[in-house]
Amino acid sequence: MVDCLRRKAADQSRSQDATQPPDSPISPTSPTLSDAETLFSQLSIDSDAHTVAAPDLISKYEINFYYHGVSGDPPKLLWRSDIETNPFPVPPPGTNFFKIPTKSSHGVFKTPLNAVWDTVAPQILASMKAHGLQYSALKTARFSTVKDETFGPVVVWIAVRPNTTNAGAVRDATPDILNILADAQITNVVVEWYEG
């Protein structure tokens, strides 16, 4: 599918500019880097990309690659409740040959959360409103990593409106959401935030 999209983009570019030489970067015969590969190259030489720096609370590398593979233009991670117990693999600075983990998203079916979602979802929304957070979406998901094909925990996946908050604010709102879930006897759930 990716190859088809690349060929389609190359064909459109060629039809718009028939004077483009055949060895140009948009020619289908020359290799092109994906956005993720280009960003990885840039971040692999950025020594700050592998360390946590305020105001983000997460490294640039994790922000940009945590959802790699979920879509053609995956969202950037803002915060996640399991950051301390589930470290994201980060290559050493200067690494050129590191495979970025590729994730797939899946629906959440037949879990204890499904039975109480109609009750806890409005409570989560009220909690976000009390924290002054503007949300775009509140949904559940499970992610798998292509490498090991195992499902991760159930995720309460929250999109906040772009440029309305920061990692510190959503981090501070997360314990209240986990408490709402715990009160409904829902455990082993991760809360993840992104802008969207």
N, C-alpha and C. Protein backbone atom coordinates (compact mmCIF):
# COMPACT_ATOMS: atom_id res chain seq x y z
N MET A 1 0.83 -1.18 0.00
CA MET A 1 0.00 0.00 0.00
C MET A 1 0.88 1.26 0.00
N VAL A 2 1.96 1.22 0.82
CA VAL A 2 2.86 2.37 0.88
C VAL A 2 3.52 2.60 -0.47
N ASP A 3 3.95 1.50 -1.12
CA ASP A 3 4.56 1.64 -2.44
C ASP A 3 3.58 2.24 -3.44
N CYS A 4 2.33 1.81 -3.36
CA CYS A 4 1.31 2.37 -4.27
C CYS A 4 1.14 3.87 -4.04
N LEU A 5 1.10 4.28 -2.78
CA LEU A 5 0.96 5.71 -2.48
C LEU A 5 2.17 6.49 -2.96
N ARG A 6 3.36 5.92 -2.77
CA ARG A 6 4.58 6.60 -3.23
C ARG A 6 4.56 6.74 -4.75
N ARG A 7 4.17 5.65 -5.45
CA ARG A 7 4.11 5.72 -6.92
C ARG A 7 3.08 6.75 -7.37
N LYS A 8 1.93 6.77 -6.70
CA LYS A 8 0.88 7.73 -7.06
C LYS A 8 1.38 9.16 -6.87
N ALA A 9 2.07 9.43 -5.75
CA ALA A 9 2.62 10.77 -5.51
C ALA A 9 3.67 11.11 -6.54
N ALA A 10 4.50 10.15 -6.90
CA ALA A 10 5.54 10.39 -7.91
C ALA A 10 4.91 10.66 -9.27
N ASP A 11 3.86 9.87 -9.61
CA ASP A 11 3.17 10.09 -10.89
C ASP A 11 2.53 11.47 -10.95
N GLN A 12 1.92 11.90 -9.85
CA GLN A 12 1.30 13.22 -9.81
C GLN A 12 2.35 14.31 -9.97
N SER A 13 3.47 14.14 -9.31
CA SER A 13 4.54 15.13 -9.41
C SER A 13 5.09 15.20 -10.81
N ARG A 14 5.26 14.04 -11.46
CA ARG A 14 5.77 14.02 -12.83
C ARG A 14 4.79 14.68 -13.78
N SER A 15 3.49 14.43 -13.58
CA SER A 15 2.51 15.01 -14.48
C SER A 15 2.42 16.52 -14.30
N GLN A 16 2.72 17.01 -13.11
CA GLN A 16 2.69 18.46 -12.87
C GLN A 16 3.92 19.13 -13.44
N ASP A 17 5.05 18.42 -13.52
CA ASP A 17 6.28 19.01 -14.01
C ASP A 17 6.99 18.00 -14.89
N ALA A 18 6.64 17.97 -16.17
CA ALA A 18 7.20 17.00 -17.09
C ALA A 18 8.67 17.27 -17.39
N THR A 19 9.20 18.41 -16.98
CA THR A 19 10.60 18.73 -17.26
C THR A 19 11.53 18.19 -16.19
N GLN A 20 11.04 17.52 -15.19
CA GLN A 20 11.85 16.99 -14.09
C GLN A 20 12.79 15.92 -14.63
N PRO A 21 14.09 15.99 -14.36
CA PRO A 21 15.01 14.97 -14.84
C PRO A 21 14.73 13.62 -14.19
N PRO A 22 15.05 12.50 -14.89
CA PRO A 22 14.70 11.18 -14.39
C PRO A 22 15.42 10.77 -13.12
N ASP A 23 16.55 11.38 -12.78
CA ASP A 23 17.24 10.98 -11.57
C ASP A 23 16.90 11.88 -10.39
N SER A 24 15.79 12.58 -10.46
CA SER A 24 15.38 13.49 -9.40
C SER A 24 14.82 12.69 -8.23
N PRO A 25 14.77 13.31 -7.03
CA PRO A 25 14.23 12.62 -5.86
C PRO A 25 12.79 12.18 -5.99
N ILE A 26 12.02 12.79 -6.91
CA ILE A 26 10.62 12.37 -7.02
C ILE A 26 10.42 11.30 -8.06
N SER A 27 11.46 10.94 -8.76
CA SER A 27 11.36 9.87 -9.74
C SER A 27 11.14 8.55 -9.03
N PRO A 28 10.24 7.68 -9.56
CA PRO A 28 9.98 6.42 -8.88
C PRO A 28 11.18 5.47 -8.88
N THR A 29 12.20 5.76 -9.69
CA THR A 29 13.36 4.87 -9.72
C THR A 29 14.39 5.22 -8.67
N SER A 30 14.30 6.40 -8.09
CA SER A 30 15.28 6.75 -7.06
C SER A 30 14.67 6.52 -5.69
N PRO A 31 15.46 6.06 -4.72
CA PRO A 31 14.90 5.79 -3.40
C PRO A 31 14.56 7.09 -2.69
N THR A 32 13.47 7.05 -1.94
CA THR A 32 13.09 8.21 -1.14
C THR A 32 12.96 7.78 0.31
N LEU A 33 13.18 8.71 1.19
CA LEU A 33 13.04 8.44 2.61
C LEU A 33 11.64 8.78 3.06
N SER A 34 11.08 7.96 3.90
CA SER A 34 9.78 8.28 4.47
C SER A 34 9.97 9.41 5.48
N ASP A 35 8.87 10.04 5.85
CA ASP A 35 8.95 11.10 6.86
C ASP A 35 9.53 10.57 8.16
N ALA A 36 9.14 9.34 8.54
CA ALA A 36 9.66 8.76 9.78
C ALA A 36 11.16 8.53 9.69
N GLU A 37 11.64 8.04 8.54
CA GLU A 37 13.07 7.81 8.38
C GLU A 37 13.85 9.12 8.41
N THR A 38 13.30 10.15 7.78
CA THR A 38 13.95 11.45 7.79
C THR A 38 14.02 12.01 9.21
N LEU A 39 12.89 11.93 9.92
CA LEU A 39 12.86 12.42 11.30
C LEU A 39 13.80 11.61 12.17
N PHE A 40 13.85 10.28 11.97
CA PHE A 40 14.76 9.45 12.75
C PHE A 40 16.20 9.88 12.51
N SER A 41 16.55 10.15 11.26
CA SER A 41 17.91 10.59 10.95
C SER A 41 18.24 11.89 11.66
N GLN A 42 17.29 12.80 11.67
CA GLN A 42 17.51 14.09 12.34
C GLN A 42 17.65 13.90 13.85
N LEU A 43 16.78 13.09 14.44
CA LEU A 43 16.81 12.91 15.89
C LEU A 43 17.99 12.05 16.34
N SER A 44 18.50 11.18 15.46
CA SER A 44 19.61 10.32 15.87
C SER A 44 20.90 11.10 16.09
N ILE A 45 21.01 12.28 15.49
CA ILE A 45 22.22 13.10 15.70
C ILE A 45 21.97 14.23 16.69
N ASP A 46 20.74 14.34 17.17
CA ASP A 46 20.38 15.37 18.14
C ASP A 46 20.51 14.76 19.54
N SER A 47 21.57 15.14 20.26
CA SER A 47 21.81 14.55 21.58
C SER A 47 20.67 14.85 22.55
N ASP A 48 19.96 15.94 22.37
CA ASP A 48 18.85 16.29 23.26
C ASP A 48 17.59 15.47 22.98
N ALA A 49 17.52 14.82 21.82
CA ALA A 49 16.32 14.08 21.44
C ALA A 49 16.12 12.83 22.28
N HIS A 50 17.15 12.38 22.96
CA HIS A 50 17.07 11.14 23.72
C HIS A 50 16.93 11.37 25.22
N THR A 51 16.86 12.63 25.61
CA THR A 51 16.73 12.95 27.02
C THR A 51 15.42 13.68 27.26
N VAL A 52 14.94 13.59 28.47
CA VAL A 52 13.70 14.27 28.83
C VAL A 52 14.04 15.71 29.19
N ALA A 53 13.32 16.63 28.58
CA ALA A 53 13.55 18.04 28.85
C ALA A 53 12.21 18.75 29.00
N ALA A 54 12.13 19.64 29.97
CA ALA A 54 10.91 20.41 30.18
C ALA A 54 10.68 21.27 28.94
N PRO A 55 9.49 21.53 28.55
CA PRO A 55 8.24 21.22 29.24
C PRO A 55 7.64 19.88 28.83
N ASP A 56 8.32 19.09 27.99
CA ASP A 56 7.70 17.89 27.42
C ASP A 56 7.55 16.71 28.37
N LEU A 57 8.48 16.50 29.28
CA LEU A 57 8.45 15.39 30.23
C LEU A 57 8.70 14.03 29.58
N ILE A 58 8.84 14.01 28.28
CA ILE A 58 9.15 12.80 27.50
C ILE A 58 10.18 13.22 26.46
N SER A 59 11.05 12.31 26.06
CA SER A 59 12.06 12.65 25.06
C SER A 59 11.41 12.94 23.70
N LYS A 60 12.07 13.75 22.89
CA LYS A 60 11.56 14.05 21.54
C LYS A 60 11.39 12.76 20.74
N TYR A 61 12.32 11.85 20.95
CA TYR A 61 12.25 10.58 20.23
C TYR A 61 10.94 9.85 20.54
N GLU A 62 10.62 9.70 21.83
CA GLU A 62 9.39 9.00 22.21
C GLU A 62 8.15 9.78 21.75
N ILE A 63 8.17 11.08 21.90
CA ILE A 63 7.04 11.90 21.45
C ILE A 63 6.72 11.61 19.98
N ASN A 64 7.75 11.56 19.17
CA ASN A 64 7.55 11.41 17.72
C ASN A 64 7.34 9.98 17.25
N PHE A 65 7.86 8.97 17.96
CA PHE A 65 7.81 7.61 17.45
C PHE A 65 6.98 6.64 18.27
N TYR A 66 6.38 7.07 19.36
CA TYR A 66 5.62 6.16 20.20
C TYR A 66 4.47 5.51 19.41
N TYR A 67 3.79 6.26 18.57
CA TYR A 67 2.67 5.74 17.79
C TYR A 67 3.05 5.39 16.36
N HIS A 68 4.32 5.18 16.08
CA HIS A 68 4.80 4.86 14.73
C HIS A 68 4.07 3.64 14.19
N GLY A 69 3.48 3.78 13.02
CA GLY A 69 2.78 2.68 12.37
C GLY A 69 1.28 2.70 12.55
N VAL A 70 0.78 3.44 13.52
CA VAL A 70 -0.66 3.46 13.79
C VAL A 70 -1.42 4.05 12.60
N SER A 71 -0.80 5.01 11.92
CA SER A 71 -1.40 5.61 10.72
C SER A 71 -0.27 6.18 9.87
N GLY A 72 -0.63 6.70 8.70
CA GLY A 72 0.36 7.31 7.83
C GLY A 72 0.98 8.55 8.46
N ASP A 73 0.22 9.24 9.26
CA ASP A 73 0.70 10.42 9.97
C ASP A 73 0.30 10.26 11.44
N PRO A 74 1.04 9.44 12.18
CA PRO A 74 0.62 9.13 13.55
C PRO A 74 0.69 10.34 14.47
N PRO A 75 -0.16 10.36 15.49
CA PRO A 75 -0.13 11.49 16.43
C PRO A 75 1.14 11.45 17.27
N LYS A 76 1.45 12.57 17.87
CA LYS A 76 2.59 12.65 18.77
C LYS A 76 2.10 12.45 20.20
N LEU A 77 2.83 11.62 20.92
CA LEU A 77 2.48 11.34 22.31
C LEU A 77 2.68 12.58 23.16
N LEU A 78 1.72 12.87 24.01
CA LEU A 78 1.84 13.99 24.93
C LEU A 78 2.23 13.48 26.32
N TRP A 79 1.58 12.40 26.76
CA TRP A 79 1.88 11.81 28.06
C TRP A 79 1.22 10.44 28.14
N ARG A 80 1.77 9.55 28.96
CA ARG A 80 1.14 8.25 29.21
C ARG A 80 1.38 7.84 30.65
N SER A 81 0.39 7.19 31.22
CA SER A 81 0.44 6.88 32.66
C SER A 81 1.45 5.80 33.01
N ASP A 82 1.88 4.98 32.05
CA ASP A 82 2.83 3.91 32.36
C ASP A 82 4.26 4.24 31.94
N ILE A 83 4.57 5.51 31.86
CA ILE A 83 5.89 5.92 31.38
C ILE A 83 7.03 5.38 32.26
N GLU A 84 6.79 5.26 33.57
CA GLU A 84 7.85 4.78 34.46
C GLU A 84 7.94 3.26 34.51
N THR A 85 6.85 2.56 34.27
CA THR A 85 6.87 1.10 34.36
C THR A 85 7.04 0.41 33.02
N ASN A 86 6.90 1.13 31.93
CA ASN A 86 6.98 0.55 30.59
C ASN A 86 7.85 1.44 29.70
N PRO A 87 9.18 1.37 29.85
CA PRO A 87 10.04 2.27 29.08
C PRO A 87 9.96 2.00 27.58
N PHE A 88 10.00 3.06 26.81
CA PHE A 88 9.99 2.97 25.36
C PHE A 88 11.43 2.79 24.88
N PRO A 89 11.68 1.85 23.96
CA PRO A 89 13.06 1.64 23.52
C PRO A 89 13.60 2.84 22.74
N VAL A 90 14.67 3.39 23.25
CA VAL A 90 15.29 4.56 22.63
C VAL A 90 16.71 4.18 22.20
N PRO A 91 17.04 4.40 20.93
CA PRO A 91 18.38 4.05 20.48
C PRO A 91 19.42 4.99 21.07
N PRO A 92 20.65 4.53 21.24
CA PRO A 92 21.70 5.43 21.70
C PRO A 92 21.92 6.54 20.67
N PRO A 93 22.31 7.74 21.11
CA PRO A 93 22.57 8.82 20.15
C PRO A 93 23.60 8.38 19.11
N GLY A 94 23.36 8.79 17.86
CA GLY A 94 24.27 8.46 16.76
C GLY A 94 23.99 7.14 16.10
N THR A 95 22.99 6.39 16.59
CA THR A 95 22.66 5.09 16.00
C THR A 95 21.99 5.30 14.65
N ASN A 96 22.49 4.61 13.64
CA ASN A 96 21.91 4.71 12.30
C ASN A 96 21.05 3.52 11.93
N PHE A 97 21.27 2.38 12.57
CA PHE A 97 20.57 1.17 12.19
C PHE A 97 19.75 0.64 13.35
N PHE A 98 18.69 1.35 13.67
CA PHE A 98 17.79 0.97 14.75
C PHE A 98 16.40 0.88 14.16
N LYS A 99 15.71 -0.21 14.41
CA LYS A 99 14.37 -0.37 13.88
C LYS A 99 13.37 0.27 14.83
N ILE A 100 12.64 1.25 14.32
CA ILE A 100 11.62 1.92 15.12
C ILE A 100 10.47 0.94 15.32
N PRO A 101 10.04 0.70 16.56
CA PRO A 101 8.92 -0.20 16.77
C PRO A 101 7.68 0.28 16.02
N THR A 102 7.00 -0.64 15.37
CA THR A 102 5.81 -0.32 14.59
C THR A 102 4.59 -0.87 15.32
N LYS A 103 3.63 0.02 15.57
CA LYS A 103 2.43 -0.36 16.31
C LYS A 103 1.22 -0.46 15.38
N SER A 104 0.28 -1.26 15.82
CA SER A 104 -1.04 -1.33 15.18
C SER A 104 -2.07 -1.09 16.28
N SER A 105 -3.16 -0.44 15.93
CA SER A 105 -4.22 -0.20 16.91
C SER A 105 -5.37 -1.17 16.67
N HIS A 106 -6.04 -1.53 17.75
CA HIS A 106 -7.13 -2.48 17.70
C HIS A 106 -8.25 -2.00 18.61
N GLY A 107 -9.43 -2.49 18.36
CA GLY A 107 -10.57 -2.17 19.21
C GLY A 107 -10.49 -2.91 20.54
N VAL A 108 -11.31 -2.47 21.45
CA VAL A 108 -11.36 -3.08 22.79
C VAL A 108 -12.71 -3.80 22.90
N PHE A 109 -12.64 -5.12 23.04
CA PHE A 109 -13.85 -5.92 23.10
C PHE A 109 -13.75 -6.92 24.26
N LYS A 110 -14.90 -7.18 24.88
CA LYS A 110 -15.01 -8.21 25.91
C LYS A 110 -13.99 -8.03 27.04
N THR A 111 -13.88 -6.80 27.53
CA THR A 111 -13.05 -6.53 28.71
C THR A 111 -13.96 -5.96 29.79
N PRO A 112 -13.52 -5.96 31.04
CA PRO A 112 -14.35 -5.36 32.10
C PRO A 112 -14.67 -3.89 31.84
N LEU A 113 -13.81 -3.18 31.12
CA LEU A 113 -14.06 -1.76 30.84
C LEU A 113 -15.30 -1.57 29.98
N ASN A 114 -15.56 -2.49 29.06
CA ASN A 114 -16.73 -2.36 28.19
C ASN A 114 -18.03 -2.28 28.99
N ALA A 115 -18.10 -3.05 30.06
CA ALA A 115 -19.33 -3.11 30.86
C ALA A 115 -19.61 -1.81 31.62
N VAL A 116 -18.57 -1.03 31.92
CA VAL A 116 -18.77 0.19 32.72
C VAL A 116 -18.47 1.47 31.93
N TRP A 117 -18.16 1.34 30.64
CA TRP A 117 -17.75 2.51 29.86
C TRP A 117 -18.80 3.62 29.88
N ASP A 118 -20.07 3.27 29.77
CA ASP A 118 -21.13 4.28 29.76
C ASP A 118 -21.20 5.05 31.08
N THR A 119 -20.67 4.48 32.14
CA THR A 119 -20.64 5.15 33.44
C THR A 119 -19.36 5.95 33.63
N VAL A 120 -18.21 5.34 33.29
CA VAL A 120 -16.93 6.01 33.56
C VAL A 120 -16.59 7.09 32.54
N ALA A 121 -17.02 6.93 31.30
CA ALA A 121 -16.68 7.93 30.28
C ALA A 121 -17.17 9.33 30.64
N PRO A 122 -18.44 9.50 31.08
CA PRO A 122 -18.88 10.84 31.48
C PRO A 122 -18.09 11.38 32.69
N GLN A 123 -17.70 10.48 33.59
CA GLN A 123 -16.91 10.91 34.75
C GLN A 123 -15.52 11.39 34.30
N ILE A 124 -14.93 10.69 33.33
CA ILE A 124 -13.62 11.09 32.80
C ILE A 124 -13.74 12.45 32.12
N LEU A 125 -14.79 12.64 31.35
CA LEU A 125 -15.00 13.94 30.68
C LEU A 125 -15.17 15.06 31.70
N ALA A 126 -15.91 14.79 32.76
CA ALA A 126 -16.11 15.80 33.81
C ALA A 126 -14.78 16.11 34.50
N SER A 127 -13.98 15.09 34.72
CA SER A 127 -12.67 15.30 35.34
C SER A 127 -11.76 16.16 34.45
N MET A 128 -11.78 15.87 33.15
CA MET A 128 -10.96 16.68 32.23
C MET A 128 -11.43 18.13 32.23
N LYS A 129 -12.75 18.33 32.25
CA LYS A 129 -13.29 19.68 32.27
C LYS A 129 -12.87 20.39 33.55
N ALA A 130 -12.88 19.69 34.68
CA ALA A 130 -12.47 20.27 35.96
C ALA A 130 -11.00 20.69 35.94
N HIS A 131 -10.20 19.99 35.15
CA HIS A 131 -8.78 20.32 35.00
C HIS A 131 -8.55 21.37 33.90
N GLY A 132 -9.61 21.83 33.26
CA GLY A 132 -9.48 22.84 32.21
C GLY A 132 -8.95 22.29 30.90
N LEU A 133 -9.11 20.99 30.67
CA LEU A 133 -8.61 20.37 29.44
C LEU A 133 -9.72 20.31 28.40
N GLN A 134 -9.39 20.69 27.20
CA GLN A 134 -10.34 20.64 26.08
C GLN A 134 -10.02 19.40 25.26
N TYR A 135 -10.96 18.49 25.19
CA TYR A 135 -10.69 17.24 24.48
C TYR A 135 -11.31 17.25 23.09
N SER A 136 -10.73 16.44 22.21
CA SER A 136 -11.27 16.22 20.87
C SER A 136 -11.88 14.84 20.76
N ALA A 137 -11.29 13.88 21.48
CA ALA A 137 -11.78 12.50 21.41
C ALA A 137 -11.42 11.76 22.69
N LEU A 138 -12.31 10.89 23.09
CA LEU A 138 -12.10 9.99 24.21
C LEU A 138 -12.50 8.61 23.71
N LYS A 139 -11.52 7.72 23.62
CA LYS A 139 -11.80 6.39 23.09
C LYS A 139 -10.92 5.37 23.78
N THR A 140 -11.20 4.12 23.50
CA THR A 140 -10.37 3.05 24.03
C THR A 140 -9.69 2.34 22.87
N ALA A 141 -8.54 1.77 23.15
CA ALA A 141 -7.79 1.06 22.12
C ALA A 141 -6.88 0.04 22.79
N ARG A 142 -6.41 -0.87 21.99
CA ARG A 142 -5.32 -1.77 22.38
C ARG A 142 -4.31 -1.69 21.25
N PHE A 143 -3.06 -1.69 21.63
CA PHE A 143 -2.00 -1.61 20.63
C PHE A 143 -1.19 -2.89 20.64
N SER A 144 -0.74 -3.27 19.47
CA SER A 144 0.20 -4.38 19.37
C SER A 144 1.43 -3.85 18.65
N THR A 145 2.55 -4.48 18.95
CA THR A 145 3.79 -4.14 18.27
C THR A 145 4.04 -5.23 17.25
N VAL A 146 4.34 -4.83 16.04
CA VAL A 146 4.49 -5.79 14.95
C VAL A 146 5.54 -6.85 15.29
N LYS A 147 6.59 -6.46 16.00
CA LYS A 147 7.69 -7.37 16.30
C LYS A 147 7.23 -8.59 17.11
N ASP A 148 6.45 -8.37 18.14
CA ASP A 148 6.08 -9.49 19.00
C ASP A 148 4.62 -9.92 18.89
N GLU A 149 3.80 -9.16 18.18
CA GLU A 149 2.39 -9.49 17.94
C GLU A 149 1.60 -9.82 19.20
N THR A 150 1.94 -9.18 20.30
CA THR A 150 1.15 -9.34 21.52
C THR A 150 0.41 -8.04 21.78
N PHE A 151 -0.76 -8.16 22.34
CA PHE A 151 -1.54 -6.99 22.67
C PHE A 151 -1.04 -6.37 23.96
N GLY A 152 -0.98 -5.04 23.97
CA GLY A 152 -0.68 -4.33 25.18
C GLY A 152 -1.94 -4.18 26.01
N PRO A 153 -1.86 -3.43 27.09
CA PRO A 153 -3.04 -3.24 27.94
C PRO A 153 -4.10 -2.39 27.25
N VAL A 154 -5.28 -2.40 27.83
CA VAL A 154 -6.34 -1.52 27.35
C VAL A 154 -5.89 -0.08 27.62
N VAL A 155 -6.10 0.78 26.63
CA VAL A 155 -5.68 2.18 26.73
C VAL A 155 -6.90 3.08 26.65
N VAL A 156 -7.00 3.99 27.61
CA VAL A 156 -7.97 5.09 27.48
C VAL A 156 -7.18 6.15 26.73
N TRP A 157 -7.56 6.36 25.48
CA TRP A 157 -6.79 7.16 24.54
C TRP A 157 -7.49 8.51 24.37
N ILE A 158 -6.83 9.56 24.82
CA ILE A 158 -7.48 10.87 24.86
C ILE A 158 -6.75 11.85 23.95
N ALA A 159 -7.52 12.46 23.05
CA ALA A 159 -6.99 13.52 22.20
C ALA A 159 -7.44 14.86 22.78
N VAL A 160 -6.48 15.74 22.99
CA VAL A 160 -6.80 17.10 23.42
C VAL A 160 -6.65 18.02 22.22
N ARG A 161 -7.37 19.11 22.26
CA ARG A 161 -7.30 20.06 21.14
C ARG A 161 -5.88 20.62 21.03
N PRO A 162 -5.38 20.71 19.81
CA PRO A 162 -4.01 21.20 19.62
C PRO A 162 -3.78 22.58 20.23
N ASN A 163 -2.61 22.73 20.79
CA ASN A 163 -2.14 24.01 21.35
C ASN A 163 -3.01 24.54 22.49
N THR A 164 -3.67 23.64 23.22
CA THR A 164 -4.51 24.10 24.34
C THR A 164 -3.96 23.68 25.69
N THR A 165 -2.96 22.80 25.71
CA THR A 165 -2.45 22.31 26.98
C THR A 165 -1.01 21.85 26.81
N ASN A 166 -0.47 21.22 27.85
CA ASN A 166 0.90 20.72 27.78
C ASN A 166 1.00 19.40 28.53
N ALA A 167 2.17 18.79 28.47
CA ALA A 167 2.37 17.48 29.09
C ALA A 167 2.15 17.53 30.59
N GLY A 168 2.57 18.60 31.24
CA GLY A 168 2.41 18.71 32.68
C GLY A 168 0.95 18.71 33.10
N ALA A 169 0.11 19.40 32.35
CA ALA A 169 -1.32 19.48 32.69
C ALA A 169 -2.00 18.12 32.52
N VAL A 170 -1.70 17.41 31.45
CA VAL A 170 -2.36 16.11 31.26
C VAL A 170 -1.78 15.07 32.23
N ARG A 171 -0.50 15.19 32.55
CA ARG A 171 0.09 14.30 33.57
C ARG A 171 -0.63 14.49 34.91
N ASP A 172 -0.89 15.76 35.27
CA ASP A 172 -1.55 16.05 36.54
C ASP A 172 -3.01 15.60 36.57
N ALA A 173 -3.65 15.51 35.40
CA ALA A 173 -5.05 15.07 35.33
C ALA A 173 -5.17 13.54 35.31
N THR A 174 -4.10 12.86 34.98
CA THR A 174 -4.14 11.41 34.81
C THR A 174 -4.51 10.65 36.09
N PRO A 175 -3.97 10.98 37.27
CA PRO A 175 -4.35 10.21 38.47
C PRO A 175 -5.85 10.21 38.75
N ASP A 176 -6.53 11.33 38.49
CA ASP A 176 -7.98 11.37 38.71
C ASP A 176 -8.70 10.38 37.79
N ILE A 177 -8.23 10.27 36.55
CA ILE A 177 -8.84 9.33 35.61
C ILE A 177 -8.59 7.89 36.06
N LEU A 178 -7.37 7.61 36.49
CA LEU A 178 -7.06 6.26 36.99
C LEU A 178 -7.89 5.94 38.24
N ASN A 179 -8.15 6.94 39.08
CA ASN A 179 -8.99 6.73 40.27
C ASN A 179 -10.44 6.43 39.88
N ILE A 180 -10.94 7.12 38.86
CA ILE A 180 -12.30 6.85 38.37
C ILE A 180 -12.39 5.40 37.91
N LEU A 181 -11.39 4.96 37.18
CA LEU A 181 -11.37 3.57 36.70
C LEU A 181 -11.24 2.58 37.86
N ALA A 182 -10.37 2.89 38.82
CA ALA A 182 -10.17 2.01 39.97
C ALA A 182 -11.46 1.89 40.79
N ASP A 183 -12.20 3.01 40.94
CA ASP A 183 -13.47 2.97 41.67
C ASP A 183 -14.48 2.04 41.00
N ALA A 184 -14.33 1.86 39.68
CA ALA A 184 -15.21 0.95 38.94
C ALA A 184 -14.59 -0.45 38.82
N GLN A 185 -13.55 -0.72 39.63
CA GLN A 185 -12.82 -1.99 39.62
C GLN A 185 -12.14 -2.28 38.28
N ILE A 186 -11.69 -1.22 37.61
CA ILE A 186 -10.97 -1.37 36.35
C ILE A 186 -9.51 -1.05 36.63
N THR A 187 -8.67 -2.07 36.50
CA THR A 187 -7.24 -1.88 36.72
C THR A 187 -6.48 -2.34 35.48
N ASN A 188 -5.19 -2.20 35.50
CA ASN A 188 -4.34 -2.57 34.37
C ASN A 188 -4.73 -1.85 33.10
N VAL A 189 -5.14 -0.61 33.24
CA VAL A 189 -5.48 0.25 32.10
C VAL A 189 -4.46 1.40 32.08
N VAL A 190 -4.08 1.81 30.88
CA VAL A 190 -3.14 2.90 30.71
C VAL A 190 -3.90 4.09 30.12
N VAL A 191 -3.57 5.29 30.59
CA VAL A 191 -4.15 6.51 30.03
C VAL A 191 -3.07 7.15 29.16
N GLU A 192 -3.40 7.38 27.90
CA GLU A 192 -2.46 8.00 26.97
C GLU A 192 -3.10 9.25 26.36
N TRP A 193 -2.28 10.29 26.23
CA TRP A 193 -2.74 11.58 25.73
C TRP A 193 -1.98 11.96 24.47
N TYR A 194 -2.68 12.59 23.55
CA TYR A 194 -2.05 13.15 22.36
C TYR A 194 -2.86 14.35 21.90
N GLU A 195 -2.26 15.16 21.04
CA GLU A 195 -2.98 16.29 20.47
C GLU A 195 -3.65 15.84 19.17
N GLY A 196 -4.89 16.24 18.99
CA GLY A 196 -5.57 15.87 17.75
C GLY A 196 -6.93 16.51 17.65
